[in-house]
Protein backbone atom coordinates (compact mmCIF):
# COMPACT_ATOMS: atom_id res chain seq x y z
CA UNK A 1 -4.56 -6.10 21.63
CA UNK A 2 -5.68 -3.13 23.73
CA UNK A 3 -9.34 -2.34 22.94
CA UNK A 4 -9.50 0.83 25.04
CA UNK A 5 -6.43 2.25 23.32
CA UNK A 6 -7.93 1.32 19.96
CA UNK A 7 -11.19 3.09 20.82
CA UNK A 8 -9.28 6.18 22.01
CA UNK A 9 -7.29 6.30 18.78
CA UNK A 10 -10.42 5.81 16.68
CA UNK A 11 -12.26 8.64 18.44
CA UNK A 12 -9.21 10.88 18.04
CA UNK A 13 -9.18 10.10 14.33
CA UNK A 14 -12.90 10.85 14.04
CA UNK A 15 -12.50 14.22 15.78
CA UNK A 16 -9.48 15.17 13.67
CA UNK A 17 -11.25 14.27 10.43
CA UNK A 18 -14.16 16.55 11.40
CA UNK A 19 -11.67 19.32 12.25
CA UNK A 20 -10.03 18.77 8.86
CA UNK A 21 -13.43 19.00 7.13
CA UNK A 22 -14.14 22.21 9.04
CA UNK A 23 -10.86 23.72 7.83
CA UNK A 24 -11.69 22.71 4.27
CA UNK A 25 -15.06 24.39 4.62
CA UNK A 26 -13.40 27.51 6.02
CA UNK A 27 -11.21 27.61 2.89
CA UNK A 28 -14.20 27.46 0.53
CA UNK A 29 -12.86 30.39 -1.51
CA UNK A 30 -9.93 28.22 -2.66
CA UNK A 31 -10.45 25.95 -5.72
CA UNK A 32 -11.22 22.37 -4.72
CA UNK A 33 -8.28 20.87 -6.62
CA UNK A 34 -5.90 23.19 -4.80
CA UNK A 35 -7.42 22.19 -1.45
CA UNK A 36 -6.93 18.51 -2.32
CA UNK A 37 -3.28 19.26 -3.10
CA UNK A 38 -2.64 20.97 0.24
CA UNK A 39 -4.53 18.24 2.12
CA UNK A 40 -2.45 15.52 0.46
CA UNK A 41 0.96 17.19 0.23
CA UNK A 42 1.15 18.36 3.85
CA UNK A 43 0.00 14.98 5.10
CA UNK A 44 3.08 13.37 3.53
CA UNK A 45 5.68 14.68 6.05
CA UNK A 46 3.47 13.51 8.92
CA UNK A 47 3.17 10.04 7.39
CA UNK A 48 6.90 9.80 6.65
CA UNK A 49 7.80 10.77 10.24
CA UNK A 50 5.33 8.15 11.49
CA UNK A 51 6.85 5.46 9.27
CA UNK A 52 10.36 6.39 10.41
CA UNK A 53 9.27 6.27 14.07
CA UNK A 54 7.81 2.82 13.51
CA UNK A 55 10.87 1.70 11.58
CA UNK A 56 8.47 0.92 8.75
CA UNK A 57 9.68 3.32 6.06
CA UNK A 58 10.96 0.56 3.77
CA UNK A 59 7.60 -1.24 3.90
CA UNK A 60 5.83 2.07 3.42
CA UNK A 61 7.77 2.69 0.20
CA UNK A 62 7.46 -0.85 -1.17
CA UNK A 63 4.64 -1.26 -3.65
CA UNK A 64 4.27 -4.84 -4.81
CA UNK A 65 1.60 -3.86 -7.33
CA UNK A 66 1.92 -0.15 -8.20
CA UNK A 67 -1.10 -0.22 -10.51
CA UNK A 68 -3.35 -0.96 -7.54
CA UNK A 69 -2.07 2.13 -5.75
CA UNK A 70 -2.63 4.28 -8.84
CA UNK A 71 -6.22 3.06 -9.17
CA UNK A 72 -6.81 3.60 -5.45
CA UNK A 73 -5.40 7.12 -5.85
CA UNK A 74 -7.59 7.99 -8.83
CA UNK A 75 -10.82 6.81 -7.20
CA UNK A 76 -9.82 8.11 -3.77
CA UNK A 77 -8.93 11.58 -5.01
CA UNK A 78 -12.27 11.69 -6.82
CA UNK A 79 -14.04 10.87 -3.56
CA UNK A 80 -12.01 13.47 -1.67
CA UNK A 81 -12.57 16.16 -4.28
CA UNK A 82 -16.33 15.59 -4.36
CA UNK A 83 -16.49 15.64 -0.56
CA UNK A 84 -14.54 18.90 -0.38
CA UNK A 85 -16.72 20.46 -3.08
CA UNK A 86 -19.86 19.44 -1.15
CA UNK A 87 -18.50 21.13 1.98
CA UNK A 88 -18.52 24.47 0.16
CA UNK A 89 -22.18 24.06 -0.77
CA UNK A 90 -23.90 22.27 2.12
CA UNK A 91 -23.86 22.52 5.93
CA UNK A 92 -21.19 20.46 7.69
CA UNK A 93 -23.67 18.21 9.60
CA UNK A 94 -25.55 17.35 6.40
CA UNK A 95 -22.35 16.48 4.54
CA UNK A 96 -21.26 14.31 7.47
CA UNK A 97 -24.62 12.54 7.69
CA UNK A 98 -24.86 11.89 3.95
CA UNK A 99 -21.33 10.47 3.92
CA UNK A 100 -22.70 7.64 6.07
CA UNK A 101 -24.19 6.25 2.85
CA UNK A 102 -20.68 4.95 2.00
CA UNK A 103 -20.64 1.92 4.37
CA UNK A 104 -24.16 1.02 3.27
CA UNK A 105 -23.13 1.11 -0.38
CA UNK A 106 -20.03 -0.93 0.50
CA UNK A 107 -22.33 -3.80 1.50
CA UNK A 108 -24.08 -3.57 -1.87
CA UNK A 109 -20.83 -3.41 -3.86
CA UNK A 110 -19.34 -6.28 -1.85
CA UNK A 111 -22.27 -8.44 -2.92
CA UNK A 112 -22.07 -7.39 -6.57
CA UNK A 113 -18.30 -7.11 -7.10
CA UNK A 114 -16.85 -9.52 -4.54
CA UNK A 115 -19.75 -11.99 -4.67
CA UNK A 116 -20.05 -11.84 -0.88
CA UNK A 117 -23.15 -13.48 0.50
CA UNK A 118 -25.53 -10.82 1.81
CA UNK A 119 -28.35 -12.14 3.97
CA UNK A 120 -31.81 -10.65 4.43
CA UNK A 121 -30.80 -8.94 7.69
CA UNK A 122 -28.05 -6.89 6.04
CA UNK A 123 -30.20 -6.09 3.01
CA UNK A 124 -32.96 -4.85 5.31
CA UNK A 125 -30.50 -2.75 7.29
CA UNK A 126 -29.08 -1.23 4.10
CA UNK A 127 -32.57 -0.43 2.82
CA UNK A 128 -33.50 1.19 6.12
CA UNK A 129 -30.26 3.16 6.13
CA UNK A 130 -30.91 4.48 2.63
CA UNK A 131 -34.34 5.63 3.80
CA UNK A 132 -32.49 7.55 6.51
CA UNK A 133 -30.34 9.16 3.81
CA UNK A 134 -33.58 10.21 2.10
CA UNK A 135 -34.74 11.87 5.32
CA UNK A 136 -31.52 13.87 5.49
CA UNK A 137 -31.94 14.90 1.86
CA UNK A 138 -35.57 15.93 2.18
CA UNK A 139 -35.13 19.42 3.69
CA UNK A 140 -32.32 20.14 1.22
CA UNK A 141 -34.49 19.31 -1.78
CA UNK A 142 -37.94 20.57 -0.82
CA UNK A 143 -39.55 22.92 -3.29
CA UNK A 144 -39.35 25.87 -0.87
CA UNK A 145 -35.57 25.54 -0.34
CA UNK A 146 -34.15 23.81 -3.37
CA UNK A 147 -31.60 25.70 -5.42
CA UNK A 148 -28.88 24.84 -7.88
CA UNK A 149 -26.16 24.99 -5.20
CA UNK A 150 -27.99 22.48 -2.97
CA UNK A 151 -28.62 20.14 -5.90
CA UNK A 152 -24.97 20.21 -6.99
CA UNK A 153 -23.82 19.78 -3.38
CA UNK A 154 -26.05 16.73 -2.93
CA UNK A 155 -24.76 15.27 -6.20
CA UNK A 156 -21.17 15.80 -5.04
CA UNK A 157 -21.58 14.18 -1.61
CA UNK A 158 -23.51 11.19 -2.97
CA UNK A 159 -20.85 10.72 -5.65
CA UNK A 160 -18.22 10.93 -2.92
CA UNK A 161 -20.03 8.27 -0.88
CA UNK A 162 -20.25 5.99 -3.92
CA UNK A 163 -16.56 6.40 -4.75
CA UNK A 164 -15.61 5.89 -1.09
CA UNK A 165 -17.52 2.61 -1.07
CA UNK A 166 -15.70 1.50 -4.23
CA UNK A 167 -12.38 2.43 -2.58
CA UNK A 168 -13.24 0.25 0.40
CA UNK A 169 -13.89 -2.69 -1.92
CA UNK A 170 -10.63 -2.02 -3.73
CA UNK A 171 -8.65 -1.85 -0.47
CA UNK A 172 -10.05 -5.25 0.53
CA UNK A 173 -8.30 -6.61 -2.55
CA UNK A 174 -5.14 -4.55 -2.01
CA UNK A 175 -4.43 -5.85 1.50
CA UNK A 176 -3.80 -9.29 0.04
CA UNK A 177 -0.53 -8.04 -1.48
CA UNK A 178 0.14 -4.56 -0.01
CA UNK A 179 1.15 -3.38 3.46
CA UNK A 180 -1.21 -0.94 5.20
CA UNK A 181 1.60 1.59 5.56
CA UNK A 182 2.21 1.43 1.80
CA UNK A 183 -1.48 2.01 1.09
CA UNK A 184 -1.51 5.07 3.37
CA UNK A 185 1.73 6.55 1.97
CA UNK A 186 1.02 6.05 -1.72
CA UNK A 187 -2.51 7.39 -1.47
CA UNK A 188 -1.18 10.73 -0.20
CA UNK A 189 1.55 10.68 -2.83
CA UNK A 190 -0.73 9.83 -5.77
CA UNK A 191 -3.45 12.27 -4.68
CA UNK A 192 -0.83 15.03 -4.42
CA UNK A 193 0.31 14.36 -7.99
CA UNK A 194 -3.22 13.99 -9.35
CA UNK A 195 -4.30 17.27 -7.71
CA UNK A 196 -1.62 19.08 -9.72
CA UNK A 197 -3.58 18.30 -12.89
CA UNK A 198 -6.22 20.80 -11.71
CA UNK A 199 -3.70 23.68 -11.97
CA UNK A 200 -5.09 24.89 -15.34
CA UNK A 201 -8.55 25.24 -13.79
CA UNK A 202 -7.69 28.32 -11.79
CA UNK A 203 -5.54 27.92 -8.73
CA UNK A 204 -5.13 31.08 -6.65
CA UNK A 205 -2.47 32.41 -4.32
CA UNK A 206 -3.92 31.94 -0.80
CA UNK A 207 -3.69 34.65 1.80
CA UNK A 208 -1.49 33.85 4.82
CA UNK A 209 -4.61 32.95 6.81
CA UNK A 210 -5.92 30.70 4.02
CA UNK A 211 -2.49 29.07 3.63
CA UNK A 212 -2.41 28.32 7.37
CA UNK A 213 -5.88 26.77 7.14
CA UNK A 214 -4.91 24.63 4.15
CA UNK A 215 -1.66 23.43 5.74
CA UNK A 216 -3.61 22.68 8.92
CA UNK A 217 -6.07 20.57 6.93
CA UNK A 218 -3.18 18.53 5.55
CA UNK A 219 -1.47 18.07 8.92
CA UNK A 220 -4.70 17.20 10.75
CA UNK A 221 -5.69 14.84 7.93
CA UNK A 222 -2.32 13.08 8.11
CA UNK A 223 -2.47 12.70 11.89
CA UNK A 224 -6.06 11.46 11.66
CA UNK A 225 -5.04 8.83 9.09
CA UNK A 226 -2.24 7.64 11.37
CA UNK A 227 -4.57 7.44 14.38
CA UNK A 228 -7.09 5.51 12.31
CA UNK A 229 -4.47 3.06 11.06
CA UNK A 230 -3.00 2.63 14.53
CA UNK A 231 -6.43 2.03 16.07
CA UNK A 232 -6.83 -1.17 14.07
CA UNK A 233 -3.56 -2.47 15.50
CA UNK A 234 -5.13 -2.43 18.97
CA UNK A 235 -8.75 -3.48 18.42
CA UNK A 236 -10.93 -5.39 15.96
CA UNK A 237 -12.61 -3.54 13.10
CA UNK A 238 -16.08 -4.65 14.21
CA UNK A 239 -15.49 -3.12 17.66
CA UNK A 240 -14.24 0.20 16.26
CA UNK A 241 -16.66 0.66 13.36
CA UNK A 242 -19.60 2.11 15.37
CA UNK A 243 -17.39 4.94 16.64
CA UNK A 244 -17.31 6.40 13.11
CA UNK A 245 -20.78 7.74 13.80
CA UNK A 246 -19.54 9.94 16.65
CA UNK A 247 -18.49 12.34 13.88
CA UNK A 248 -22.05 13.65 13.57
CA UNK A 249 -21.92 14.99 17.14
CA UNK A 250 -18.72 16.91 16.50
CA UNK A 251 -19.98 18.08 13.11
CA UNK A 252 -23.13 19.51 14.70
CA UNK A 253 -21.14 21.27 17.43
CA UNK A 254 -18.54 22.73 15.06
CA UNK A 255 -21.14 23.62 12.44
CA UNK A 256 -23.19 25.53 15.00
CA UNK A 257 -20.24 27.20 16.77
CA UNK A 258 -18.20 28.29 13.73
CA UNK A 259 -20.58 28.35 10.76
CA UNK A 260 -23.93 29.16 12.45
CA UNK A 261 -25.42 25.99 10.97
CA UNK A 262 -28.47 24.74 12.84
CA UNK A 263 -29.31 21.07 12.14
CA UNK A 264 -32.85 20.33 10.99
CA UNK A 265 -35.11 17.82 12.71
CA UNK A 266 -35.13 15.72 9.53
CA UNK A 267 -31.33 15.67 9.48
CA UNK A 268 -31.17 14.44 13.06
CA UNK A 269 -33.87 11.81 12.48
CA UNK A 270 -32.32 10.67 9.21
CA UNK A 271 -28.86 10.47 10.75
CA UNK A 272 -30.25 8.41 13.62
CA UNK A 273 -31.82 5.94 11.18
CA UNK A 274 -28.60 5.65 9.13
CA UNK A 275 -26.47 5.22 12.27
CA UNK A 276 -28.82 2.60 13.70
CA UNK A 277 -28.67 0.66 10.42
CA UNK A 278 -24.89 0.86 10.27
CA UNK A 279 -24.46 -0.24 13.88
CA UNK A 280 -26.92 -3.09 13.34
CA UNK A 281 -24.83 -4.35 10.40
CA UNK A 282 -21.61 -4.11 12.43
CA UNK A 283 -23.09 -5.90 15.45
CA UNK A 284 -24.56 -8.61 13.22
CA UNK A 285 -21.18 -9.17 11.55
CA UNK A 286 -19.51 -9.32 14.95
CA UNK A 287 -22.05 -11.91 16.15
CA UNK A 288 -21.58 -14.05 13.03
CA UNK A 289 -17.79 -13.77 13.38
CA UNK A 290 -17.90 -14.96 16.99
CA UNK A 291 -20.27 -17.73 16.00
CA UNK A 292 -17.83 -18.96 13.33
CA UNK A 293 -14.94 -18.88 15.80
CA UNK A 294 -16.89 -20.95 18.34
CA UNK A 295 -17.81 -23.47 15.64
CA UNK A 296 -14.21 -24.13 14.56
CA UNK A 297 -13.23 -26.41 17.50
CA UNK A 298 -16.13 -28.68 16.57
CA UNK A 299 -15.05 -29.00 12.93
CA UNK A 300 -13.31 -32.07 11.59
CA UNK A 301 -9.74 -31.69 10.23
CA UNK A 302 -11.30 -31.68 6.76
CA UNK A 303 -13.55 -28.74 7.77
């Protein structure tokens, strides 16, 4: 384990995902299904090269339960498509902040679907975090600013967050039988195939500049996925999780520099509340995990 290397890889992944989102936003004239195709298809060569370099290509191509990968692909591509659609309708910082609802919803779904025990602390943190999401939404939905585009954009990003949370629950089940490399590879493969079903809905021939942007989104997305996966080989998930929230800083900077998007006070306050809630949950889980580890030496052989 090398925690510093893990943190460096996680931050690199976070930055690259924001860059990918920025490229998707820059290609807003391209149909969303076509963007999903480029994002998925051009990530595949990057992933294959990574698997070859690791000597893990065989594991990456072995699917013990293919139906799990198909389901992960269907739900995951829905989450990706909704996120990309939201980027064409809402400012980058707002989309980034609202996507933080996903880990909060994951706690709820874990309790409902996996029957995980959720204590009062986590429930309180989730409730507080959802209030933060409401703060972010408020300036988008006030009577003076509300329009159909904002409403649809909000619906898309909240749907994306919900589907992302469901994907996280599904992956928790998948890792019991599937290798991480297989999950990464087959998601890109299945999302590429599924994106082709949107062809009848009006794909366009991109300009050279648009094509470069779309290919870049795929390459950056693939590299980001690899960095994210590699980060967890060097550090614990509870240590790395809070660094997800660094994405809001890069989203604000890129949104302001390239899209002239100025974050609202409510967005910053709401994001701060959501981030604080998420970090509180992570730190609490880390504390309980350490507490369980310390208690094991004192347990009898029967437990």
